[in-house]
Amino acid sequence: MQTRQPKQTYSQIIMAHLMAGKTITNMQAYDEYAITCLAQRISELRASGVSIDDEIVTQNGKRFKRYWIDQPAPQTVQGV
């Protein structure tokens, strides 16, 4: 018998996308994950303590927000 994996919530999907070092916009969320309420999910993640940055982008005469999580740069080990 096969066990089912619990379905991810939209917030979990978005968080995994952002933690992979990617940015996301409304169109990307819709195209890649069929999520139509990105701003609401971002708001929920922020309310839970996640620090998500955003910027307004103008492209082809359209304005939209792009979201991302700033990740610390990997630490390089100095020669011993």
C-alpha atoms as a PDB file:
ATOM      1  CA  MET A   1       0.000   0.000   0.000  1.00  0.00           C
ATOM      2  CA  GLN A   2       1.325   3.408  -0.987  1.00  0.00           C
ATOM      3  CA  THR A   3       1.250   6.249   1.528  1.00  0.00           C
ATOM      4  CA  ARG A   4       0.261   9.688   0.298  1.00  0.00           C
ATOM      5  CA  GLN A   5       2.511  12.644   0.791  1.00  0.00           C
ATOM      6  CA  PRO A   6       0.674  15.527   2.461  1.00  0.00           C
ATOM      7  CA  LYS A   7      -0.165  18.211  -0.076  1.00  0.00           C
ATOM      8  CA  GLN A   8       1.925  21.362   0.234  1.00  0.00           C
ATOM      9  CA  THR A   9       0.129  24.616   0.954  1.00  0.00           C
ATOM     10  CA  TYR A  10       0.616  27.553  -1.390  1.00  0.00           C
ATOM     11  CA  SER A  11       2.677  29.274   1.305  1.00  0.00           C
ATOM     12  CA  GLN A  12       4.964  26.227   1.559  1.00  0.00           C
ATOM     13  CA  ILE A  13       5.367  26.124  -2.232  1.00  0.00           C
ATOM     14  CA  ILE A  14       6.260  29.827  -2.355  1.00  0.00           C
ATOM     15  CA  MET A  15       8.649  29.495   0.597  1.00  0.00           C
ATOM     16  CA  ALA A  16      10.471  26.585  -1.076  1.00  0.00           C
ATOM     17  CA  HIS A  17      10.734  28.627  -4.300  1.00  0.00           C
ATOM     18  CA  LEU A  18      12.181  31.631  -2.457  1.00  0.00           C
ATOM     19  CA  MET A  19      14.533  29.506  -0.322  1.00  0.00           C
ATOM     20  CA  ALA A  20      15.962  28.055  -3.537  1.00  0.00           C
ATOM     21  CA  GLY A  21      17.332  31.559  -4.166  1.00  0.00           C
ATOM     22  CA  LYS A  22      14.766  32.426  -6.828  1.00  0.00           C
ATOM     23  CA  THR A  23      12.598  35.499  -7.214  1.00  0.00           C
ATOM     24  CA  ILE A  24       8.860  35.269  -7.869  1.00  0.00           C
ATOM     25  CA  THR A  25       6.227  37.521  -9.457  1.00  0.00           C
ATOM     26  CA  ASN A  26       2.471  37.166  -9.789  1.00  0.00           C
ATOM     27  CA  MET A  27       2.788  35.826 -13.331  1.00  0.00           C
ATOM     28  CA  GLN A  28       5.430  33.283 -12.315  1.00  0.00           C
ATOM     29  CA  ALA A  29       3.300  32.110  -9.383  1.00  0.00           C
ATOM     30  CA  TYR A  30       0.355  31.637 -11.706  1.00  0.00           C
ATOM     31  CA  ASP A  31       2.310  30.037 -14.563  1.00  0.00           C
ATOM     32  CA  GLU A  32       4.415  27.667 -12.442  1.00  0.00           C
ATOM     33  CA  TYR A  33       2.091  26.825  -9.543  1.00  0.00           C
ATOM     34  CA  ALA A  34      -1.421  28.047 -10.519  1.00  0.00           C
ATOM     35  CA  ILE A  35      -1.321  30.411  -7.508  1.00  0.00           C
ATOM     36  CA  THR A  36      -3.523  33.453  -8.049  1.00  0.00           C
ATOM     37  CA  CYS A  37      -3.114  35.073  -4.626  1.00  0.00           C
ATOM     38  CA  LEU A  38       0.645  35.605  -4.308  1.00  0.00           C
ATOM     39  CA  ALA A  39       0.439  38.894  -2.373  1.00  0.00           C
ATOM     40  CA  GLN A  40      -1.771  37.286   0.273  1.00  0.00           C
ATOM     41  CA  ARG A  41       0.601  34.321   0.693  1.00  0.00           C
ATOM     42  CA  ILE A  42       3.596  36.694   0.927  1.00  0.00           C
ATOM     43  CA  SER A  43       1.717  38.643   3.598  1.00  0.00           C
ATOM     44  CA  GLU A  44       1.070  35.429   5.561  1.00  0.00           C
ATOM     45  CA  LEU A  45       4.737  34.420   5.343  1.00  0.00           C
ATOM     46  CA  ARG A  46       5.836  37.876   6.527  1.00  0.00           C
ATOM     47  CA  ALA A  47       3.340  37.712   9.412  1.00  0.00           C
ATOM     48  CA  SER A  48       4.917  34.403  10.462  1.00  0.00           C
ATOM     49  CA  GLY A  49       8.331  36.098  10.692  1.00  0.00           C
ATOM     50  CA  VAL A  50       9.857  35.447   7.263  1.00  0.00           C
ATOM     51  CA  SER A  51      11.815  38.437   5.933  1.00  0.00           C
ATOM     52  CA  ILE A  52      10.813  38.802   2.271  1.00  0.00           C
ATOM     53  CA  ASP A  53      12.094  41.685   0.168  1.00  0.00           C
ATOM     54  CA  ASP A  54      10.250  43.156  -2.804  1.00  0.00           C
ATOM     55  CA  GLU A  55      10.618  45.740  -5.538  1.00  0.00           C
ATOM     56  CA  ILE A  56       8.290  47.274  -8.082  1.00  0.00           C
ATOM     57  CA  VAL A  57       9.354  46.421 -11.625  1.00  0.00           C
ATOM     58  CA  THR A  58       8.166  48.143 -14.804  1.00  0.00           C
ATOM     59  CA  GLN A  59       8.379  45.975 -17.891  1.00  0.00           C
ATOM     60  CA  ASN A  60       6.567  46.412 -21.223  1.00  0.00           C
ATOM     61  CA  GLY A  61       4.554  49.254 -19.685  1.00  0.00           C
ATOM     62  CA  LYS A  62       3.294  47.015 -16.859  1.00  0.00           C
ATOM     63  CA  ARG A  63       4.112  47.443 -13.162  1.00  0.00           C
ATOM     64  CA  PHE A  64       4.364  44.486 -10.820  1.00  0.00           C
ATOM     65  CA  LYS A  65       6.179  43.350  -7.695  1.00  0.00           C
ATOM     66  CA  ARG A  66       9.049  40.889  -7.577  1.00  0.00           C
ATOM     67  CA  TYR A  67       9.683  39.103  -4.272  1.00  0.00           C
ATOM     68  CA  TRP A  68      12.787  37.374  -2.936  1.00  0.00           C
ATOM     69  CA  ILE A  69      14.554  36.366   0.262  1.00  0.00           C
ATOM     70  CA  ASP A  70      18.024  37.797   0.833  1.00  0.00           C
ATOM     71  CA  GLN A  71      20.247  34.892   1.700  1.00  0.00           C
ATOM     72  CA  PRO A  72      23.584  35.374   3.386  1.00  0.00           C
ATOM     73  CA  ALA A  73      26.562  34.861   1.109  1.00  0.00           C
ATOM     74  CA  PRO A  74      28.266  31.513   1.638  1.00  0.00           C
ATOM     75  CA  GLN A  75      31.203  31.807   4.003  1.00  0.00           C
ATOM     76  CA  THR A  76      34.535  31.021   2.441  1.00  0.00           C
ATOM     77  CA  VAL A  77      37.103  29.249   4.563  1.00  0.00           C
ATOM     78  CA  GLN A  78      40.467  31.000   4.690  1.00  0.00           C
ATOM     79  CA  GLY A  79      43.557  28.841   4.245  1.00  0.00           C
ATOM     80  CA  VAL A  80      44.778  27.325   7.490  1.00  0.00           C
END
